[in-house]
N, C-alpha and C. Protein backbone atom coordinates (compact mmCIF):
# COMPACT_ATOMS: atom_id res chain seq x y z
N MET A 1 -26.86 3.67 -25.53
CA MET A 1 -26.27 2.37 -25.83
C MET A 1 -27.37 1.41 -26.22
N ASP A 2 -27.17 0.70 -27.29
CA ASP A 2 -28.14 -0.28 -27.78
C ASP A 2 -27.89 -1.61 -27.09
N LEU A 3 -28.74 -1.94 -26.13
CA LEU A 3 -28.58 -3.16 -25.36
C LEU A 3 -28.92 -4.42 -26.14
N ALA A 4 -29.53 -4.26 -27.30
CA ALA A 4 -29.84 -5.41 -28.13
C ALA A 4 -28.58 -6.12 -28.62
N GLN A 5 -27.45 -5.44 -28.59
CA GLN A 5 -26.21 -6.05 -29.06
C GLN A 5 -25.67 -7.10 -28.10
N PHE A 6 -26.21 -7.15 -26.88
CA PHE A 6 -25.73 -8.09 -25.87
C PHE A 6 -26.60 -9.34 -25.86
N ASP A 7 -26.46 -10.17 -26.87
CA ASP A 7 -27.23 -11.40 -26.97
C ASP A 7 -26.44 -12.53 -26.32
N LEU A 8 -26.63 -12.68 -25.02
CA LEU A 8 -25.87 -13.69 -24.28
C LEU A 8 -26.32 -15.11 -24.61
N VAL A 9 -27.59 -15.27 -24.98
CA VAL A 9 -28.08 -16.60 -25.33
C VAL A 9 -27.36 -17.10 -26.57
N GLU A 10 -27.30 -16.27 -27.58
CA GLU A 10 -26.63 -16.68 -28.82
C GLU A 10 -25.16 -17.04 -28.56
N ALA A 11 -24.48 -16.22 -27.79
CA ALA A 11 -23.07 -16.49 -27.48
C ALA A 11 -22.92 -17.78 -26.68
N ALA A 12 -23.80 -17.99 -25.71
CA ALA A 12 -23.72 -19.19 -24.86
C ALA A 12 -24.02 -20.46 -25.65
N GLU A 13 -24.86 -20.34 -26.67
CA GLU A 13 -25.21 -21.49 -27.51
C GLU A 13 -24.01 -22.00 -28.32
N LYS A 14 -23.05 -21.15 -28.56
CA LYS A 14 -21.85 -21.55 -29.32
C LYS A 14 -20.95 -22.45 -28.49
N GLY A 15 -21.05 -22.34 -27.17
CA GLY A 15 -20.22 -23.17 -26.30
C GLY A 15 -18.91 -22.50 -25.93
N ILE A 16 -18.34 -22.99 -24.87
CA ILE A 16 -17.09 -22.47 -24.32
C ILE A 16 -16.11 -23.63 -24.22
N VAL A 17 -14.93 -23.46 -24.75
CA VAL A 17 -13.90 -24.50 -24.65
C VAL A 17 -13.08 -24.24 -23.39
N VAL A 18 -13.08 -25.24 -22.51
CA VAL A 18 -12.33 -25.15 -21.26
C VAL A 18 -11.09 -26.01 -21.37
N GLU A 19 -9.93 -25.39 -21.25
CA GLU A 19 -8.68 -26.14 -21.20
C GLU A 19 -8.45 -26.50 -19.75
N LEU A 20 -8.40 -27.80 -19.47
CA LEU A 20 -8.27 -28.23 -18.08
C LEU A 20 -6.88 -27.95 -17.53
N ILE A 21 -6.88 -27.55 -16.27
CA ILE A 21 -5.67 -27.21 -15.55
C ILE A 21 -5.47 -28.23 -14.43
N HIS A 22 -4.23 -28.68 -14.24
CA HIS A 22 -3.92 -29.61 -13.15
C HIS A 22 -4.40 -29.01 -11.84
N PRO A 23 -5.13 -29.78 -11.02
CA PRO A 23 -5.72 -29.21 -9.81
C PRO A 23 -4.73 -28.79 -8.73
N VAL A 24 -3.50 -29.28 -8.80
CA VAL A 24 -2.50 -28.94 -7.78
C VAL A 24 -1.41 -28.04 -8.35
N SER A 25 -0.80 -28.47 -9.46
CA SER A 25 0.34 -27.72 -10.02
C SER A 25 -0.10 -26.50 -10.83
N LYS A 26 -1.36 -26.46 -11.22
CA LYS A 26 -1.94 -25.38 -12.03
C LYS A 26 -1.36 -25.33 -13.45
N GLU A 27 -0.76 -26.42 -13.89
CA GLU A 27 -0.24 -26.51 -15.26
C GLU A 27 -1.35 -26.98 -16.20
N LEU A 28 -1.28 -26.54 -17.45
CA LEU A 28 -2.21 -26.97 -18.47
C LEU A 28 -2.07 -28.48 -18.66
N LEU A 29 -3.19 -29.20 -18.64
CA LEU A 29 -3.14 -30.64 -18.89
C LEU A 29 -3.04 -30.88 -20.39
N GLU A 30 -2.11 -31.75 -20.75
CA GLU A 30 -1.88 -32.08 -22.16
C GLU A 30 -1.76 -33.57 -22.33
N ASP A 31 -2.08 -34.06 -23.54
CA ASP A 31 -1.87 -35.47 -23.82
C ASP A 31 -0.39 -35.71 -24.13
N GLU A 32 -0.06 -36.94 -24.48
CA GLU A 32 1.35 -37.28 -24.73
C GLU A 32 1.93 -36.56 -25.95
N ASP A 33 1.07 -36.02 -26.81
CA ASP A 33 1.52 -35.27 -27.98
C ASP A 33 1.57 -33.76 -27.72
N GLY A 34 1.30 -33.36 -26.49
CA GLY A 34 1.33 -31.94 -26.14
C GLY A 34 0.07 -31.17 -26.49
N LYS A 35 -1.00 -31.89 -26.83
CA LYS A 35 -2.27 -31.23 -27.15
C LYS A 35 -3.08 -31.06 -25.87
N PRO A 36 -3.74 -29.90 -25.71
CA PRO A 36 -4.47 -29.65 -24.46
C PRO A 36 -5.68 -30.58 -24.29
N VAL A 37 -5.99 -30.87 -23.04
CA VAL A 37 -7.17 -31.62 -22.68
C VAL A 37 -8.29 -30.60 -22.52
N THR A 38 -9.35 -30.73 -23.31
CA THR A 38 -10.40 -29.70 -23.31
C THR A 38 -11.79 -30.31 -23.16
N ILE A 39 -12.70 -29.49 -22.66
CA ILE A 39 -14.11 -29.83 -22.60
C ILE A 39 -14.87 -28.62 -23.14
N LYS A 40 -15.79 -28.86 -24.08
CA LYS A 40 -16.62 -27.79 -24.61
C LYS A 40 -18.01 -27.92 -24.01
N VAL A 41 -18.47 -26.83 -23.41
CA VAL A 41 -19.75 -26.83 -22.70
C VAL A 41 -20.55 -25.58 -23.08
N LEU A 42 -21.87 -25.72 -23.07
CA LEU A 42 -22.73 -24.57 -23.29
C LEU A 42 -22.58 -23.58 -22.14
N GLY A 43 -22.75 -22.30 -22.42
CA GLY A 43 -22.73 -21.29 -21.37
C GLY A 43 -24.04 -21.31 -20.59
N LYS A 44 -24.04 -20.74 -19.40
CA LYS A 44 -25.22 -20.80 -18.53
C LYS A 44 -26.41 -20.01 -19.08
N ASP A 45 -26.20 -19.16 -20.05
CA ASP A 45 -27.30 -18.41 -20.65
C ASP A 45 -27.94 -19.13 -21.83
N SER A 46 -27.44 -20.31 -22.16
CA SER A 46 -28.01 -21.06 -23.29
C SER A 46 -29.40 -21.56 -22.92
N ARG A 47 -30.20 -21.79 -23.94
CA ARG A 47 -31.56 -22.29 -23.72
C ARG A 47 -31.56 -23.65 -23.03
N LYS A 48 -30.69 -24.53 -23.47
CA LYS A 48 -30.65 -25.88 -22.89
C LYS A 48 -30.25 -25.81 -21.42
N TRP A 49 -29.23 -25.00 -21.09
CA TRP A 49 -28.79 -24.87 -19.69
C TRP A 49 -29.98 -24.42 -18.84
N GLN A 50 -30.70 -23.41 -19.31
CA GLN A 50 -31.83 -22.88 -18.55
C GLN A 50 -32.93 -23.93 -18.39
N GLN A 51 -33.17 -24.70 -19.44
CA GLN A 51 -34.19 -25.74 -19.40
C GLN A 51 -33.82 -26.83 -18.39
N VAL A 52 -32.59 -27.30 -18.44
CA VAL A 52 -32.14 -28.35 -17.51
C VAL A 52 -32.12 -27.82 -16.08
N ALA A 53 -31.67 -26.60 -15.89
CA ALA A 53 -31.62 -26.01 -14.55
C ALA A 53 -33.02 -25.92 -13.95
N LYS A 54 -34.00 -25.52 -14.74
CA LYS A 54 -35.37 -25.44 -14.24
C LYS A 54 -35.88 -26.81 -13.82
N ARG A 55 -35.58 -27.82 -14.62
CA ARG A 55 -36.01 -29.18 -14.30
C ARG A 55 -35.37 -29.67 -13.00
N VAL A 56 -34.06 -29.43 -12.86
CA VAL A 56 -33.34 -29.86 -11.66
C VAL A 56 -33.86 -29.12 -10.42
N LEU A 57 -34.07 -27.82 -10.55
CA LEU A 57 -34.58 -27.03 -9.42
C LEU A 57 -36.00 -27.45 -9.04
N ALA A 58 -36.84 -27.72 -10.02
CA ALA A 58 -38.22 -28.14 -9.74
C ALA A 58 -38.23 -29.48 -9.01
N ARG A 59 -37.36 -30.38 -9.43
CA ARG A 59 -37.28 -31.69 -8.78
C ARG A 59 -36.84 -31.55 -7.33
N ALA A 60 -35.82 -30.71 -7.08
CA ALA A 60 -35.35 -30.48 -5.71
C ALA A 60 -36.42 -29.80 -4.87
N ALA A 61 -37.14 -28.85 -5.45
CA ALA A 61 -38.19 -28.14 -4.71
C ALA A 61 -39.30 -29.10 -4.30
N ALA A 62 -39.65 -30.01 -5.19
CA ALA A 62 -40.70 -30.99 -4.87
C ALA A 62 -40.23 -31.98 -3.80
N LYS A 63 -38.98 -32.39 -3.91
CA LYS A 63 -38.44 -33.38 -2.97
C LYS A 63 -38.24 -32.79 -1.58
N TYR A 64 -37.82 -31.54 -1.49
CA TYR A 64 -37.50 -30.92 -0.20
C TYR A 64 -38.48 -29.80 0.12
N ARG A 65 -39.72 -30.00 -0.23
CA ARG A 65 -40.77 -28.99 -0.03
C ARG A 65 -40.73 -28.43 1.40
N GLY A 66 -40.53 -27.10 1.48
CA GLY A 66 -40.53 -26.43 2.78
C GLY A 66 -39.25 -26.60 3.58
N LYS A 67 -38.25 -27.25 3.00
CA LYS A 67 -36.98 -27.47 3.71
C LYS A 67 -35.84 -26.95 2.83
N ASP A 68 -34.70 -26.72 3.45
CA ASP A 68 -33.51 -26.35 2.68
C ASP A 68 -33.00 -27.56 1.92
N THR A 69 -32.61 -27.34 0.68
CA THR A 69 -32.02 -28.41 -0.11
C THR A 69 -30.61 -28.66 0.40
N PRO A 70 -30.27 -29.92 0.72
CA PRO A 70 -28.91 -30.22 1.19
C PRO A 70 -27.85 -29.84 0.15
N VAL A 71 -26.69 -29.44 0.63
CA VAL A 71 -25.60 -29.02 -0.25
C VAL A 71 -25.25 -30.13 -1.24
N GLY A 72 -25.20 -31.34 -0.79
CA GLY A 72 -24.87 -32.46 -1.67
C GLY A 72 -25.85 -32.61 -2.82
N GLU A 73 -27.12 -32.34 -2.55
CA GLU A 73 -28.14 -32.43 -3.59
C GLU A 73 -27.96 -31.29 -4.61
N THR A 74 -27.59 -30.12 -4.11
CA THR A 74 -27.35 -28.99 -5.01
C THR A 74 -26.16 -29.27 -5.92
N GLU A 75 -25.09 -29.81 -5.35
CA GLU A 75 -23.91 -30.15 -6.15
C GLU A 75 -24.24 -31.22 -7.19
N LYS A 76 -25.04 -32.20 -6.79
CA LYS A 76 -25.47 -33.25 -7.72
C LYS A 76 -26.24 -32.64 -8.89
N GLY A 77 -27.12 -31.69 -8.58
CA GLY A 77 -27.88 -31.02 -9.63
C GLY A 77 -27.00 -30.24 -10.58
N LEU A 78 -25.99 -29.56 -10.04
CA LEU A 78 -25.06 -28.81 -10.90
C LEU A 78 -24.29 -29.74 -11.83
N ARG A 79 -23.87 -30.89 -11.31
CA ARG A 79 -23.16 -31.86 -12.15
C ARG A 79 -24.07 -32.39 -13.25
N GLU A 80 -25.34 -32.57 -12.93
CA GLU A 80 -26.30 -33.03 -13.94
C GLU A 80 -26.46 -31.99 -15.05
N ILE A 81 -26.55 -30.73 -14.66
CA ILE A 81 -26.64 -29.65 -15.65
C ILE A 81 -25.41 -29.66 -16.54
N LEU A 82 -24.23 -29.72 -15.93
CA LEU A 82 -22.99 -29.75 -16.71
C LEU A 82 -22.97 -30.92 -17.68
N ALA A 83 -23.36 -32.11 -17.20
CA ALA A 83 -23.32 -33.30 -18.05
C ALA A 83 -24.22 -33.14 -19.26
N GLU A 84 -25.41 -32.60 -19.05
CA GLU A 84 -26.34 -32.43 -20.18
C GLU A 84 -25.92 -31.32 -21.12
N CYS A 85 -25.10 -30.40 -20.63
CA CYS A 85 -24.66 -29.26 -21.45
C CYS A 85 -23.25 -29.42 -21.99
N THR A 86 -22.64 -30.58 -21.76
CA THR A 86 -21.31 -30.85 -22.31
C THR A 86 -21.48 -31.24 -23.77
N LEU A 87 -20.81 -30.51 -24.64
CA LEU A 87 -20.94 -30.72 -26.08
C LEU A 87 -19.92 -31.70 -26.64
N SER A 88 -18.67 -31.58 -26.17
CA SER A 88 -17.60 -32.43 -26.69
C SER A 88 -16.39 -32.31 -25.78
N TRP A 89 -15.42 -33.16 -26.03
CA TRP A 89 -14.12 -33.01 -25.36
C TRP A 89 -13.03 -33.60 -26.21
N THR A 90 -11.81 -33.23 -25.89
CA THR A 90 -10.66 -33.74 -26.64
C THR A 90 -9.61 -34.25 -25.67
N ASN A 91 -8.96 -35.33 -26.09
CA ASN A 91 -7.80 -35.89 -25.39
C ASN A 91 -8.10 -36.33 -23.97
N ILE A 92 -9.31 -36.83 -23.73
CA ILE A 92 -9.68 -37.31 -22.40
C ILE A 92 -9.66 -38.83 -22.40
N GLU A 93 -8.89 -39.36 -21.47
CA GLU A 93 -8.84 -40.79 -21.21
C GLU A 93 -9.25 -41.02 -19.76
N TYR A 94 -9.76 -42.22 -19.48
CA TYR A 94 -10.09 -42.58 -18.11
C TYR A 94 -9.74 -44.05 -17.96
N ASN A 95 -8.94 -44.38 -16.96
CA ASN A 95 -8.42 -45.74 -16.76
C ASN A 95 -7.70 -46.23 -18.02
N ASP A 96 -6.86 -45.38 -18.57
CA ASP A 96 -6.01 -45.70 -19.72
C ASP A 96 -6.76 -45.99 -21.01
N SER A 97 -8.01 -45.56 -21.11
CA SER A 97 -8.78 -45.76 -22.34
C SER A 97 -9.42 -44.44 -22.74
N PRO A 98 -9.52 -44.19 -24.06
CA PRO A 98 -10.23 -42.99 -24.50
C PRO A 98 -11.66 -43.03 -23.98
N LEU A 99 -12.14 -41.89 -23.53
CA LEU A 99 -13.49 -41.81 -22.97
C LEU A 99 -14.40 -41.12 -23.97
N LYS A 100 -15.44 -41.84 -24.42
CA LYS A 100 -16.39 -41.27 -25.36
C LYS A 100 -17.18 -40.16 -24.67
N CYS A 101 -17.40 -39.07 -25.39
CA CYS A 101 -18.14 -37.95 -24.84
C CYS A 101 -19.63 -38.21 -25.00
N ASN A 102 -20.29 -38.46 -23.88
CA ASN A 102 -21.75 -38.57 -23.84
C ASN A 102 -22.19 -38.15 -22.43
N LYS A 103 -23.49 -38.02 -22.26
CA LYS A 103 -24.03 -37.53 -20.99
C LYS A 103 -23.61 -38.42 -19.81
N GLU A 104 -23.69 -39.73 -19.99
CA GLU A 104 -23.37 -40.65 -18.91
C GLU A 104 -21.91 -40.55 -18.49
N ASN A 105 -21.01 -40.51 -19.47
CA ASN A 105 -19.58 -40.40 -19.16
C ASN A 105 -19.24 -39.04 -18.58
N ALA A 106 -19.90 -38.00 -19.07
CA ALA A 106 -19.66 -36.66 -18.52
C ALA A 106 -20.08 -36.62 -17.05
N LEU A 107 -21.24 -37.18 -16.74
CA LEU A 107 -21.71 -37.20 -15.36
C LEU A 107 -20.74 -37.99 -14.48
N MET A 108 -20.29 -39.14 -14.96
CA MET A 108 -19.33 -39.95 -14.22
C MET A 108 -18.05 -39.16 -13.96
N LEU A 109 -17.55 -38.49 -14.98
CA LEU A 109 -16.31 -37.72 -14.85
C LEU A 109 -16.48 -36.59 -13.84
N TYR A 110 -17.59 -35.87 -13.91
CA TYR A 110 -17.82 -34.76 -12.98
C TYR A 110 -18.05 -35.24 -11.56
N GLU A 111 -18.63 -36.43 -11.40
CA GLU A 111 -18.84 -36.98 -10.06
C GLU A 111 -17.55 -37.50 -9.45
N LYS A 112 -16.77 -38.22 -10.23
CA LYS A 112 -15.55 -38.84 -9.71
C LYS A 112 -14.37 -37.87 -9.62
N ARG A 113 -14.39 -36.83 -10.43
CA ARG A 113 -13.31 -35.84 -10.43
C ARG A 113 -13.94 -34.46 -10.31
N GLY A 114 -14.32 -34.13 -9.08
CA GLY A 114 -15.01 -32.88 -8.81
C GLY A 114 -14.26 -31.64 -9.26
N TRP A 115 -12.95 -31.71 -9.27
CA TRP A 115 -12.15 -30.56 -9.69
C TRP A 115 -12.40 -30.23 -11.16
N ILE A 116 -12.73 -31.25 -11.96
CA ILE A 116 -13.05 -30.99 -13.36
C ILE A 116 -14.38 -30.26 -13.45
N ALA A 117 -15.37 -30.73 -12.70
CA ALA A 117 -16.67 -30.06 -12.67
C ALA A 117 -16.52 -28.61 -12.23
N GLU A 118 -15.66 -28.37 -11.24
CA GLU A 118 -15.44 -27.00 -10.75
C GLU A 118 -14.89 -26.10 -11.85
N GLN A 119 -13.90 -26.60 -12.59
CA GLN A 119 -13.30 -25.79 -13.66
C GLN A 119 -14.29 -25.51 -14.78
N VAL A 120 -15.05 -26.53 -15.17
CA VAL A 120 -16.01 -26.36 -16.25
C VAL A 120 -17.13 -25.42 -15.81
N MET A 121 -17.61 -25.57 -14.58
CA MET A 121 -18.66 -24.70 -14.06
C MET A 121 -18.18 -23.25 -14.00
N GLU A 122 -16.95 -23.05 -13.57
CA GLU A 122 -16.41 -21.69 -13.49
C GLU A 122 -16.45 -21.00 -14.85
N HIS A 123 -16.03 -21.71 -15.87
CA HIS A 123 -16.02 -21.12 -17.21
C HIS A 123 -17.43 -20.93 -17.77
N ALA A 124 -18.29 -21.93 -17.57
CA ALA A 124 -19.65 -21.84 -18.09
C ALA A 124 -20.43 -20.71 -17.43
N SER A 125 -20.09 -20.40 -16.19
CA SER A 125 -20.81 -19.37 -15.43
C SER A 125 -20.24 -17.97 -15.60
N ASP A 126 -19.06 -17.87 -16.17
CA ASP A 126 -18.39 -16.59 -16.31
C ASP A 126 -18.60 -16.08 -17.75
N ARG A 127 -19.42 -15.06 -17.89
CA ARG A 127 -19.74 -14.56 -19.23
C ARG A 127 -18.54 -13.98 -19.97
N SER A 128 -17.49 -13.63 -19.27
CA SER A 128 -16.33 -13.07 -19.96
C SER A 128 -15.68 -14.11 -20.88
N TYR A 129 -15.93 -15.41 -20.64
CA TYR A 129 -15.38 -16.45 -21.49
C TYR A 129 -16.14 -16.56 -22.82
N LEU A 130 -17.29 -15.94 -22.92
CA LEU A 130 -18.09 -16.02 -24.14
C LEU A 130 -17.42 -15.32 -25.31
N GLU A 131 -16.54 -14.39 -25.04
CA GLU A 131 -15.87 -13.65 -26.11
C GLU A 131 -14.67 -14.37 -26.64
N LYS A 132 -14.22 -15.40 -25.99
CA LYS A 132 -12.98 -16.10 -26.39
C LYS A 132 -13.23 -17.17 -27.40
């Protein structure tokens, strides 16, 4: 088997479109026109993801030298990675206004609505989504 055919970096660089699911009812979230609410994010094998993850881990290692990193700090780092690796989104509003897709708004969304960060992280971390 030629393992060179498994270029996960290239696939992850294309991004993964995550259709958000209601956190309780498990129904697909849609706007008033029936269009899905989506977030496109780089996969965890992308160069940018790896670069940001190294930076976040190095910062935590320096801050908590010789100690365990608190869970809250780890979660904060993961949200930072997601925010920097978020490429675009569709049909997202916050407080009844369209929300522009940028790093700051992505971080705010992932911090205030942890269930969104969980769904996006699940897809970005699961290589089986790279084929879709």
